[in-house]
PDB file of N, CA and C in Angstrom:
ATOM      1  N   UNK A   1      63.298  99.668 120.624  1.00  0.00           N
ATOM      2  CA  UNK A   1      63.426 101.300 120.448  1.00  0.00           C
ATOM      3  C   UNK A   1      64.305 101.448 121.445  1.00  0.00           C
ATOM      4  N   UNK A   2      65.436 101.978 121.032  1.00  0.00           N
ATOM      5  CA  UNK A   2      66.479 102.501 121.605  1.00  0.00           C
ATOM      6  C   UNK A   2      66.295 103.686 122.133  1.00  0.00           C
ATOM      7  N   UNK A   3      66.592 103.171 123.322  1.00  0.00           N
ATOM      8  CA  UNK A   3      67.214 104.781 124.252  1.00  0.00           C
ATOM      9  C   UNK A   3      67.823 106.223 124.157  1.00  0.00           C
ATOM     10  N   UNK A   4      67.139 106.476 123.701  1.00  0.00           N
ATOM     11  CA  UNK A   4      68.080 107.760 122.800  1.00  0.00           C
ATOM     12  C   UNK A   4      67.261 109.108 123.311  1.00  0.00           C
ATOM     13  N   UNK A   5      68.032 110.285 123.077  1.00  0.00           N
ATOM     14  CA  UNK A   5      66.962 111.428 123.210  1.00  0.00           C
ATOM     15  C   UNK A   5      66.121 111.920 122.743  1.00  0.00           C
ATOM     16  N   UNK A   6      66.896 111.643 121.385  1.00  0.00           N
ATOM     17  CA  UNK A   6      66.003 111.517 119.386  1.00  0.00           C
ATOM     18  C   UNK A   6      64.668 111.557 119.938  1.00  0.00           C
ATOM     19  N   UNK A   7      64.932 109.522 119.910  1.00  0.00           N
ATOM     20  CA  UNK A   7      63.669 108.994 120.558  1.00  0.00           C
ATOM     21  C   UNK A   7      62.543 109.798 121.401  1.00  0.00           C
ATOM     22  N   UNK A   8      63.080 110.067 122.334  1.00  0.00           N
ATOM     23  CA  UNK A   8      62.147 110.742 124.174  1.00  0.00           C
ATOM     24  C   UNK A   8      61.591 111.890 123.340  1.00  0.00           C
ATOM     25  N   UNK A   9      62.840 112.448 122.281  1.00  0.00           N
ATOM     26  CA  UNK A   9      61.981 113.777 121.703  1.00  0.00           C
ATOM     27  C   UNK A   9      60.373 112.796 120.651  1.00  0.00           C
ATOM     28  N   UNK A  10      60.204 112.190 119.656  1.00  0.00           N
ATOM     29  CA  UNK A  10      59.973 112.043 118.926  1.00  0.00           C
ATOM     30  C   UNK A  10      58.595 111.265 120.029  1.00  0.00           C
ATOM     31  N   UNK A  11      59.066 110.347 120.766  1.00  0.00           N
ATOM     32  CA  UNK A  11      57.426 110.547 121.886  1.00  0.00           C
ATOM     33  C   UNK A  11      56.929 111.346 122.236  1.00  0.00           C
ATOM     34  N   UNK A  12      57.465 112.614 122.616  1.00  0.00           N
ATOM     35  CA  UNK A  12      56.845 113.469 123.677  1.00  0.00           C
ATOM     36  C   UNK A  12      56.397 114.142 122.585  1.00  0.00           C
ATOM     37  N   UNK A  13      56.728 114.858 120.949  1.00  0.00           N
ATOM     38  CA  UNK A  13      56.008 115.315 120.045  1.00  0.00           C
ATOM     39  C   UNK A  13      54.799 114.904 119.891  1.00  0.00           C
ATOM     40  N   UNK A  14      54.721 113.139 120.550  1.00  0.00           N
ATOM     41  CA  UNK A  14      53.522 112.527 119.742  1.00  0.00           C
ATOM     42  C   UNK A  14      52.752 113.259 120.244  1.00  0.00           C
ATOM     43  N   UNK A  15      53.187 112.576 121.481  1.00  0.00           N
ATOM     44  CA  UNK A  15      51.935 112.923 122.836  1.00  0.00           C
ATOM     45  C   UNK A  15      51.037 114.845 122.794  1.00  0.00           C
ATOM     46  N   UNK A  16      52.266 115.250 122.831  1.00  0.00           N
ATOM     47  CA  UNK A  16      51.673 116.845 122.505  1.00  0.00           C
ATOM     48  C   UNK A  16      51.118 116.452 121.193  1.00  0.00           C
ATOM     49  N   UNK A  17      51.341 116.385 119.986  1.00  0.00           N
ATOM     50  CA  UNK A  17      49.987 115.947 119.532  1.00  0.00           C
ATOM     51  C   UNK A  17      48.775 115.622 119.486  1.00  0.00           C
ATOM     52  N   UNK A  18      48.864 114.482 119.893  1.00  0.00           N
ATOM     53  CA  UNK A  18      47.867 113.772 120.207  1.00  0.00           C
ATOM     54  C   UNK A  18      46.478 114.562 121.222  1.00  0.00           C
ATOM     55  N   UNK A  19      47.738 115.362 122.287  1.00  0.00           N
ATOM     56  CA  UNK A  19      46.680 115.887 122.867  1.00  0.00           C
ATOM     57  C   UNK A  19      45.649 117.220 121.799  1.00  0.00           C
ATOM     58  N   UNK A  20      46.946 118.096 121.081  1.00  0.00           N
ATOM     59  CA  UNK A  20      46.218 119.130 120.503  1.00  0.00           C
ATOM     60  C   UNK A  20      44.987 118.706 119.453  1.00  0.00           C
ATOM     61  N   UNK A  21      45.902 117.670 119.160  1.00  0.00           N
ATOM     62  CA  UNK A  21      44.381 116.889 118.168  1.00  0.00           C
ATOM     63  C   UNK A  21      43.457 116.551 119.228  1.00  0.00           C
ATOM     64  N   UNK A  22      43.388 115.792 120.133  1.00  0.00           N
ATOM     65  CA  UNK A  22      41.963 115.740 121.390  1.00  0.00           C
ATOM     66  C   UNK A  22      41.353 116.715 121.320  1.00  0.00           C
ATOM     67  N   UNK A  23      41.970 118.391 121.232  1.00  0.00           N
ATOM     68  CA  UNK A  23      41.732 119.739 122.037  1.00  0.00           C
ATOM     69  C   UNK A  23      40.745 120.312 120.919  1.00  0.00           C
ATOM     70  N   UNK A  24      41.119 119.704 119.522  1.00  0.00           N
ATOM     71  CA  UNK A  24      40.715 120.108 118.911  1.00  0.00           C
ATOM     72  C   UNK A  24      38.952 119.413 118.581  1.00  0.00           C
ATOM     73  N   UNK A  25      39.202 117.542 118.581  1.00  0.00           N
ATOM     74  CA  UNK A  25      37.530 117.278 118.511  1.00  0.00           C
ATOM     75  C   UNK A  25      36.993 117.323 119.419  1.00  0.00           C
ATOM     76  N   UNK A  26      37.424 118.166 120.934  1.00  0.00           N
ATOM     77  CA  UNK A  26      36.433 118.747 121.999  1.00  0.00           C
ATOM     78  C   UNK A  26      36.080 120.051 122.030  1.00  0.00           C
ATOM     79  N   UNK A  27      36.593 121.081 121.074  1.00  0.00           N
ATOM     80  CA  UNK A  27      35.730 122.440 120.793  1.00  0.00           C
ATOM     81  C   UNK A  27      35.133 121.610 119.101  1.00  0.00           C
ATOM     82  N   UNK A  28      35.522 120.800 118.558  1.00  0.00           N
ATOM     83  CA  UNK A  28      34.324 121.103 117.750  1.00  0.00           C
ATOM     84  C   UNK A  28      32.853 120.036 118.178  1.00  0.00           C
ATOM     85  N   UNK A  29      33.079 119.136 118.734  1.00  0.00           N
ATOM     86  CA  UNK A  29      32.324 118.245 119.266  1.00  0.00           C
ATOM     87  C   UNK A  29      30.953 119.163 120.291  1.00  0.00           C
ATOM     88  N   UNK A  30      31.348 120.681 120.364  1.00  0.00           N
ATOM     89  CA  UNK A  30      30.600 121.557 121.222  1.00  0.00           C
ATOM     90  C   UNK A  30      30.802 122.071 122.562  1.00  0.00           C
ATOM     91  N   UNK A  31      32.378 121.448 122.331  1.00  0.00           N
ATOM     92  CA  UNK A  31      32.789 122.110 124.067  1.00  0.00           C
ATOM     93  C   UNK A  31      33.307 120.407 125.369  1.00  0.00           C
ATOM     94  N   UNK A  32      33.097 120.091 124.715  1.00  0.00           N
ATOM     95  CA  UNK A  32      32.902 118.772 125.411  1.00  0.00           C
ATOM     96  C   UNK A  32      34.555 118.885 126.378  1.00  0.00           C
ATOM     97  N   UNK A  33      34.406 118.366 127.793  1.00  0.00           N
ATOM     98  CA  UNK A  33      35.191 118.673 128.390  1.00  0.00           C
ATOM     99  C   UNK A  33      36.256 117.712 128.410  1.00  0.00           C
ATOM    100  N   UNK A  34      37.911 117.827 127.879  1.00  0.00           N
ATOM    101  CA  UNK A  34      38.609 117.168 128.205  1.00  0.00           C
ATOM    102  C   UNK A  34      38.508 115.745 129.013  1.00  0.00           C
ATOM    103  N   UNK A  35      37.487 116.080 130.130  1.00  0.00           N
ATOM    104  CA  UNK A  35      38.186 115.056 130.739  1.00  0.00           C
ATOM    105  C   UNK A  35      36.336 113.807 130.833  1.00  0.00           C
ATOM    106  N   UNK A  36      36.099 114.691 129.527  1.00  0.00           N
ATOM    107  CA  UNK A  36      34.685 113.766 129.514  1.00  0.00           C
ATOM    108  C   UNK A  36      34.679 112.951 128.258  1.00  0.00           C
ATOM    109  N   UNK A  37      35.878 113.313 127.126  1.00  0.00           N
ATOM    110  CA  UNK A  37      36.970 112.474 126.021  1.00  0.00           C
ATOM    111  C   UNK A  37      36.371 111.650 125.868  1.00  0.00           C
ATOM    112  N   UNK A  38      36.044 110.559 125.462  1.00  0.00           N
ATOM    113  CA  UNK A  38      36.461 108.808 124.929  1.00  0.00           C
ATOM    114  C   UNK A  38      38.106 108.533 124.733  1.00  0.00           C
ATOM    115  N   UNK A  39      38.549 109.418 124.371  1.00  0.00           N
ATOM    116  CA  UNK A  39      40.039 109.047 123.659  1.00  0.00           C
ATOM    117  C   UNK A  39      40.634 109.466 125.275  1.00  0.00           C
ATOM    118  N   UNK A  40      40.699 110.147 126.537  1.00  0.00           N
ATOM    119  CA  UNK A  40      41.859 110.407 127.242  1.00  0.00           C
ATOM    120  C   UNK A  40      42.127 109.128 127.493  1.00  0.00           C
ATOM    121  N   UNK A  41      41.543 108.355 127.840  1.00  0.00           N
ATOM    122  CA  UNK A  41      42.170 106.715 128.733  1.00  0.00           C
ATOM    123  C   UNK A  41      43.563 106.578 127.343  1.00  0.00           C
ATOM    124  N   UNK A  42      42.916 106.406 125.947  1.00  0.00           N
ATOM    125  CA  UNK A  42      45.061 106.718 125.012  1.00  0.00           C
ATOM    126  C   UNK A  42      45.671 107.366 125.584  1.00  0.00           C
ATOM    127  N   UNK A  43      45.145 109.304 124.987  1.00  0.00           N
ATOM    128  CA  UNK A  43      46.740 109.856 125.357  1.00  0.00           C
ATOM    129  C   UNK A  43      47.167 109.818 127.611  1.00  0.00           C
ATOM    130  N   UNK A  44      46.042 108.911 128.274  1.00  0.00           N
ATOM    131  CA  UNK A  44      47.030 108.923 128.713  1.00  0.00           C
ATOM    132  C   UNK A  44      48.335 107.582 129.154  1.00  0.00           C
ATOM    133  N   UNK A  45      47.686 107.198 128.371  1.00  0.00           N
ATOM    134  CA  UNK A  45      48.242 105.858 128.767  1.00  0.00           C
ATOM    135  C   UNK A  45      49.428 106.827 127.604  1.00  0.00           C
ATOM    136  N   UNK A  46      49.430 107.181 126.297  1.00  0.00           N
ATOM    137  CA  UNK A  46      50.351 107.849 125.770  1.00  0.00           C
ATOM    138  C   UNK A  46      51.514 108.422 127.031  1.00  0.00           C
ATOM    139  N   UNK A  47      50.658 108.953 127.392  1.00  0.00           N
ATOM    140  CA  UNK A  47      51.424 109.751 128.441  1.00  0.00           C
ATOM    141  C   UNK A  47      52.543 109.192 129.210  1.00  0.00           C
ATOM    142  N   UNK A  48      51.573 107.980 129.774  1.00  0.00           N
ATOM    143  CA  UNK A  48      52.863 107.310 130.619  1.00  0.00           C
ATOM    144  C   UNK A  48      53.685 106.360 130.174  1.00  0.00           C
ATOM    145  N   UNK A  49      53.909 105.771 129.144  1.00  0.00           N
ATOM    146  CA  UNK A  49      54.412 105.918 128.059  1.00  0.00           C
ATOM    147  C   UNK A  49      56.108 106.149 128.362  1.00  0.00           C
ATOM    148  N   UNK A  50      55.318 107.830 127.899  1.00  0.00           N
ATOM    149  CA  UNK A  50      56.574 109.028 127.806  1.00  0.00           C
ATOM    150  C   UNK A  50      57.311 108.969 129.009  1.00  0.00           C
ATOM    151  N   UNK A  51      56.675 109.076 129.882  1.00  0.00           N
ATOM    152  CA  UNK A  51      57.299 109.076 131.310  1.00  0.00           C
ATOM    153  C   UNK A  51      58.442 108.066 131.868  1.00  0.00           C
ATOM    154  N   UNK A  52      57.822 107.234 131.537  1.00  0.00           N
ATOM    155  CA  UNK A  52      58.934 105.824 131.742  1.00  0.00           C
ATOM    156  C   UNK A  52      59.535 105.504 130.433  1.00  0.00           C
ATOM    157  N   UNK A  53      59.752 106.436 129.609  1.00  0.00           N
ATOM    158  CA  UNK A  53      60.524 106.091 128.236  1.00  0.00           C
ATOM    159  C   UNK A  53      61.503 106.994 129.461  1.00  0.00           C
ATOM    160  N   UNK A  54      60.858 107.841 129.553  1.00  0.00           N
ATOM    161  CA  UNK A  54      62.506 109.278 129.956  1.00  0.00           C
ATOM    162  C   UNK A  54      62.642 108.944 130.662  1.00  0.00           C
ATOM    163  N   UNK A  55      62.188 108.311 132.095  1.00  0.00           N
ATOM    164  CA  UNK A  55      62.989 108.240 133.061  1.00  0.00           C
ATOM    165  C   UNK A  55      63.792 106.545 133.384  1.00  0.00           C
ATOM    166  N   UNK A  56      63.352 106.012 132.392  1.00  0.00           N
ATOM    167  CA  UNK A  56      65.371 105.051 131.613  1.00  0.00           C
ATOM    168  C   UNK A  56      65.477 105.747 131.202  1.00  0.00           C
ATOM    169  N   UNK A  57      65.789 106.499 129.985  1.00  0.00           N
ATOM    170  CA  UNK A  57      66.592 107.338 130.000  1.00  0.00           C
ATOM    171  C   UNK A  57      67.300 107.937 130.926  1.00  0.00           C
ATOM    172  N   UNK A  58      66.842 108.095 131.417  1.00  0.00           N
ATOM    173  CA  UNK A  58      67.908 109.004 132.636  1.00  0.00           C
ATOM    174  C   UNK A  58      68.750 108.012 132.908  1.00  0.00           C
ATOM    175  N   UNK A  59      68.050 107.643 133.154  1.00  0.00           N
ATOM    176  CA  UNK A  59      68.488 105.928 134.541  1.00  0.00           C
ATOM    177  C   UNK A  59      70.274 105.316 134.001  1.00  0.00           C
ATOM    178  N   UNK A  60      69.568 105.764 132.141  1.00  0.00           N
ATOM    179  CA  UNK A  60      70.662 104.439 132.104  1.00  0.00           C
ATOM    180  C   UNK A  60      71.507 105.640 131.336  1.00  0.00           C
ATOM    181  N   UNK A  61      71.665 107.096 130.944  1.00  0.00           N
ATOM    182  CA  UNK A  61      72.800 107.989 130.776  1.00  0.00           C
ATOM    183  C   UNK A  61      72.926 108.986 131.309  1.00  0.00           C
ATOM    184  N   UNK A  62      74.738 109.346 132.105  1.00  0.00           N
ATOM    185  CA  UNK A  62      74.651 109.745 132.719  1.00  0.00           C
ATOM    186  C   UNK A  62      74.873 111.308 132.940  1.00  0.00           C
ATOM    187  N   UNK A  63      75.101 112.516 131.351  1.00  0.00           N
ATOM    188  CA  UNK A  63      74.969 113.397 131.000  1.00  0.00           C
ATOM    189  C   UNK A  63      73.486 113.641 130.112  1.00  0.00           C
ATOM    190  N   UNK A  64      72.229 113.486 130.781  1.00  0.00           N
ATOM    191  CA  UNK A  64      71.317 113.913 129.821  1.00  0.00           C
ATOM    192  C   UNK A  64      71.306 115.383 130.068  1.00  0.00           C
ATOM    193  N   UNK A  65      71.249 116.508 128.856  1.00  0.00           N
ATOM    194  CA  UNK A  65      70.660 117.852 128.822  1.00  0.00           C
ATOM    195  C   UNK A  65      69.830 117.998 129.702  1.00  0.00           C
ATOM    196  N   UNK A  66      69.873 119.352 130.468  1.00  0.00           N
ATOM    197  CA  UNK A  66      69.299 119.589 131.404  1.00  0.00           C
ATOM    198  C   UNK A  66      67.900 120.100 131.147  1.00  0.00           C
ATOM    199  N   UNK A  67      67.831 120.394 129.655  1.00  0.00           N
ATOM    200  CA  UNK A  67      66.498 120.614 129.211  1.00  0.00           C
ATOM    201  C   UNK A  67      65.569 118.706 128.703  1.00  0.00           C
ATOM    202  N   UNK A  68      65.823 118.336 128.927  1.00  0.00           N
ATOM    203  CA  UNK A  68      65.440 116.787 128.960  1.00  0.00           C
ATOM    204  C   UNK A  68      64.759 116.740 130.057  1.00  0.00           C
ATOM    205  N   UNK A  69      65.551 116.351 131.611  1.00  0.00           N
ATOM    206  CA  UNK A  69      65.528 116.503 132.393  1.00  0.00           C
ATOM    207  C   UNK A  69      63.964 116.954 133.078  1.00  0.00           C
ATOM    208  N   UNK A  70      64.044 118.505 132.706  1.00  0.00           N
ATOM    209  CA  UNK A  70      63.020 119.236 131.834  1.00  0.00           C
ATOM    210  C   UNK A  70      61.898 118.922 131.744  1.00  0.00           C
ATOM    211  N   UNK A  71      62.254 118.405 131.015  1.00  0.00           N
ATOM    212  CA  UNK A  71      60.640 118.023 130.032  1.00  0.00           C
ATOM    213  C   UNK A  71      59.851 116.727 131.006  1.00  0.00           C
ATOM    214  N   UNK A  72      61.252 116.234 131.160  1.00  0.00           N
ATOM    215  CA  UNK A  72      60.784 114.479 131.378  1.00  0.00           C
ATOM    216  C   UNK A  72      59.702 114.605 132.812  1.00  0.00           C
ATOM    217  N   UNK A  73      60.408 115.558 133.960  1.00  0.00           N
ATOM    218  CA  UNK A  73      59.909 116.459 135.129  1.00  0.00           C
ATOM    219  C   UNK A  73      58.655 116.941 134.263  1.00  0.00           C
ATOM    220  N   UNK A  74      58.111 117.837 133.400  1.00  0.00           N
ATOM    221  CA  UNK A  74      56.998 118.435 133.040  1.00  0.00           C
ATOM    222  C   UNK A  74      56.577 117.432 133.055  1.00  0.00           C
ATOM    223  N   UNK A  75      56.461 116.007 132.433  1.00  0.00           N
ATOM    224  CA  UNK A  75      55.466 114.915 131.970  1.00  0.00           C
ATOM    225  C   UNK A  75      55.008 114.430 133.640  1.00  0.00           C
ATOM    226  N   UNK A  76      56.138 113.965 133.483  1.00  0.00           N
ATOM    227  CA  UNK A  76      55.743 113.472 135.213  1.00  0.00           C
ATOM    228  C   UNK A  76      54.678 113.715 136.249  1.00  0.00           C
ATOM    229  N   UNK A  77      55.039 115.016 136.252  1.00  0.00           N
ATOM    230  CA  UNK A  77      53.974 116.374 137.004  1.00  0.00           C
ATOM    231  C   UNK A  77      52.356 116.267 136.135  1.00  0.00           C
ATOM    232  N   UNK A  78      52.217 115.968 135.158  1.00  0.00           N
ATOM    233  CA  UNK A  78      51.439 115.779 134.064  1.00  0.00           C
ATOM    234  C   UNK A  78      51.067 114.863 134.355  1.00  0.00           C
ATOM    235  N   UNK A  79      51.347 113.490 134.078  1.00  0.00           N
ATOM    236  CA  UNK A  79      51.001 112.234 134.533  1.00  0.00           C
ATOM    237  C   UNK A  79      50.289 111.961 135.678  1.00  0.00           C
ATOM    238  N   UNK A  80      50.903 112.646 137.112  1.00  0.00           N
ATOM    239  CA  UNK A  80      50.383 112.872 138.458  1.00  0.00           C
ATOM    240  C   UNK A  80      49.307 113.479 138.268  1.00  0.00           C
ATOM    241  N   UNK A  81      49.136 114.495 137.553  1.00  0.00           N
ATOM    242  CA  UNK A  81      47.662 115.316 137.819  1.00  0.00           C
ATOM    243  C   UNK A  81      46.747 113.812 136.786  1.00  0.00           C
ATOM    244  N   UNK A  82      46.697 113.862 135.891  1.00  0.00           N
ATOM    245  CA  UNK A  82      46.260 112.437 134.503  1.00  0.00           C
ATOM    246  C   UNK A  82      45.581 111.308 136.089  1.00  0.00           C
ATOM    247  N   UNK A  83      46.432 111.185 136.550  1.00  0.00           N
ATOM    248  CA  UNK A  83      46.103 109.879 138.237  1.00  0.00           C
ATOM    249  C   UNK A  83      45.149 110.461 139.387  1.00  0.00           C
ATOM    250  N   UNK A  84      45.697 111.898 139.585  1.00  0.00           N
ATOM    251  CA  UNK A  84      44.589 112.628 140.849  1.00  0.00           C
ATOM    252  C   UNK A  84      43.044 112.659 140.158  1.00  0.00           C
ATOM    253  N   UNK A  85      42.669 112.592 138.228  1.00  0.00           N
ATOM    254  CA  UNK A  85      41.481 112.443 138.613  1.00  0.00           C
ATOM    255  C   UNK A  85      40.751 111.364 138.395  1.00  0.00           C
ATOM    256  N   UNK A  86      39.325 111.676 138.882  1.00  0.00           N
ATOM    257  CA  UNK A  86      38.790 110.494 139.432  1.00  0.00           C
ATOM    258  C   UNK A  86      37.552 111.280 138.175  1.00  0.00           C
ATOM    259  N   UNK A  87      37.117 110.811 136.858  1.00  0.00           N
ATOM    260  CA  UNK A  87      35.438 111.011 136.698  1.00  0.00           C
ATOM    261  C   UNK A  87      34.328 109.899 136.389  1.00  0.00           C
ATOM    262  N   UNK A  88      33.072 110.163 136.757  1.00  0.00           N
ATOM    263  CA  UNK A  88      32.253 109.558 136.587  1.00  0.00           C
ATOM    264  C   UNK A  88      33.006 107.974 135.549  1.00  0.00           C
ATOM    265  N   UNK A  89      33.495 108.008 134.297  1.00  0.00           N
ATOM    266  CA  UNK A  89      33.240 107.406 133.385  1.00  0.00           C
ATOM    267  C   UNK A  89      34.245 105.979 134.211  1.00  0.00           C
ATOM    268  N   UNK A  90      35.164 106.452 135.009  1.00  0.00           N
ATOM    269  CA  UNK A  90      35.393 105.358 135.426  1.00  0.00           C
ATOM    270  C   UNK A  90      35.078 103.466 136.059  1.00  0.00           C
ATOM    271  N   UNK A  91      34.294 104.511 136.636  1.00  0.00           N
ATOM    272  CA  UNK A  91      33.222 103.867 137.391  1.00  0.00           C
ATOM    273  C   UNK A  91      32.942 102.308 136.161  1.00  0.00           C
ATOM    274  N   UNK A  92      32.386 101.437 136.494  1.00  0.00           N
ATOM    275  CA  UNK A  92      31.886 100.261 135.569  1.00  0.00           C
ATOM    276  C   UNK A  92      30.722 101.456 135.085  1.00  0.00           C
ATOM    277  N   UNK A  93      29.968 100.399 134.454  1.00  0.00           N
ATOM    278  CA  UNK A  93      28.408 100.733 133.644  1.00  0.00           C
ATOM    279  C   UNK A  93      27.710 101.377 134.514  1.00  0.00           C
ATOM    280  N   UNK A  94      27.245  99.542 134.978  1.00  0.00           N
ATOM    281  CA  UNK A  94      26.364  99.251 135.737  1.00  0.00           C
ATOM    282  C   UNK A  94      26.585  99.680 136.881  1.00  0.00           C
ATOM    283  N   UNK A  95      27.642 101.216 137.190  1.00  0.00           N
ATOM    284  CA  UNK A  95      27.128 101.329 138.691  1.00  0.00           C
ATOM    285  C   UNK A  95      27.210 102.679 138.806  1.00  0.00           C
ATOM    286  N   UNK A  96      26.821 103.181 137.072  1.00  0.00           N
ATOM    287  CA  UNK A  96      26.863 104.797 137.318  1.00  0.00           C
ATOM    288  C   UNK A  96      25.672 104.583 137.587  1.00  0.00           C
ATOM    289  N   UNK A  97      24.841 106.469 137.790  1.00  0.00           N
ATOM    290  CA  UNK A  97      23.642 106.291 137.896  1.00  0.00           C
ATOM    291  C   UNK A  97      23.366 107.154 135.976  1.00  0.00           C
ATOM    292  N   UNK A  98      21.740 107.744 136.074  1.00  0.00           N
ATOM    293  CA  UNK A  98      21.835 107.633 135.120  1.00  0.00           C
ATOM    294  C   UNK A  98      22.273 109.284 134.539  1.00  0.00           C
ATOM    295  N   UNK A  99      22.442 110.281 135.397  1.00  0.00           N
ATOM    296  CA  UNK A  99      22.967 111.499 134.948  1.00  0.00           C
ATOM    297  C   UNK A  99      24.274 111.105 134.500  1.00  0.00           C
ATOM    298  N   UNK A 100      25.080 110.342 135.505  1.00  0.00           N
ATOM    299  CA  UNK A 100      26.335 109.831 135.382  1.00  0.00           C
ATOM    300  C   UNK A 100      26.674 109.700 134.192  1.00  0.00           C
ATOM    301  N   UNK A 101      25.774 108.485 133.377  1.00  0.00           N
ATOM    302  CA  UNK A 101      25.723 107.886 131.534  1.00  0.00           C
ATOM    303  C   UNK A 101      25.508 109.000 131.169  1.00  0.00           C
ATOM    304  N   UNK A 102      24.660 109.917 131.624  1.00  0.00           N
ATOM    305  CA  UNK A 102      24.242 110.455 129.790  1.00  0.00           C
ATOM    306  C   UNK A 102      25.491 111.605 129.541  1.00  0.00           C
ATOM    307  N   UNK A 103      26.592 111.671 131.071  1.00  0.00           N
ATOM    308  CA  UNK A 103      27.315 113.133 131.186  1.00  0.00           C
ATOM    309  C   UNK A 103      28.851 112.265 130.069  1.00  0.00           C
ATOM    310  N   UNK A 104      28.738 110.905 130.530  1.00  0.00           N
ATOM    311  CA  UNK A 104      29.982 110.201 130.242  1.00  0.00           C
ATOM    312  C   UNK A 104      29.665 109.773 127.854  1.00  0.00           C
ATOM    313  N   UNK A 105      28.276 109.764 127.897  1.00  0.00           N
ATOM    314  CA  UNK A 105      27.751 109.550 126.714  1.00  0.00           C
ATOM    315  C   UNK A 105      27.549 110.573 125.267  1.00  0.00           C
ATOM    316  N   UNK A 106      27.997 111.933 126.597  1.00  0.00           N
ATOM    317  CA  UNK A 106      27.528 113.025 125.507  1.00  0.00           C
ATOM    318  C   UNK A 106      26.051 113.234 125.235  1.00  0.00           C
ATOM    319  N   UNK A 107      24.946 112.555 126.602  1.00  0.00           N
ATOM    320  CA  UNK A 107      23.254 113.257 125.612  1.00  0.00           C
ATOM    321  C   UNK A 107      23.406 114.007 125.941  1.00  0.00           C
TER     322      UNK A 107
END
């Protein structure tokens, strides 16, 4: 994939649409917290890819508009927040308590 602002915008839009769909799914499944939704790892991977692509874009092009730079910074801050979250589901199943397992499985 060529490093272009248009491709970065497409990736950013894909991530935003993914987040909207995940939010809608969590609401329709009875208000599951986003941090307990199974698909959050996919969204985190997409966000990480968007940030890496944006950083490579900024390094490769000297005159990227300030708007694009601010979007990359926004996604970078969002990724830092995602990395700071620790949920019970990040533990292996054999290390979870029964309560943690039930919460992860939405039982």
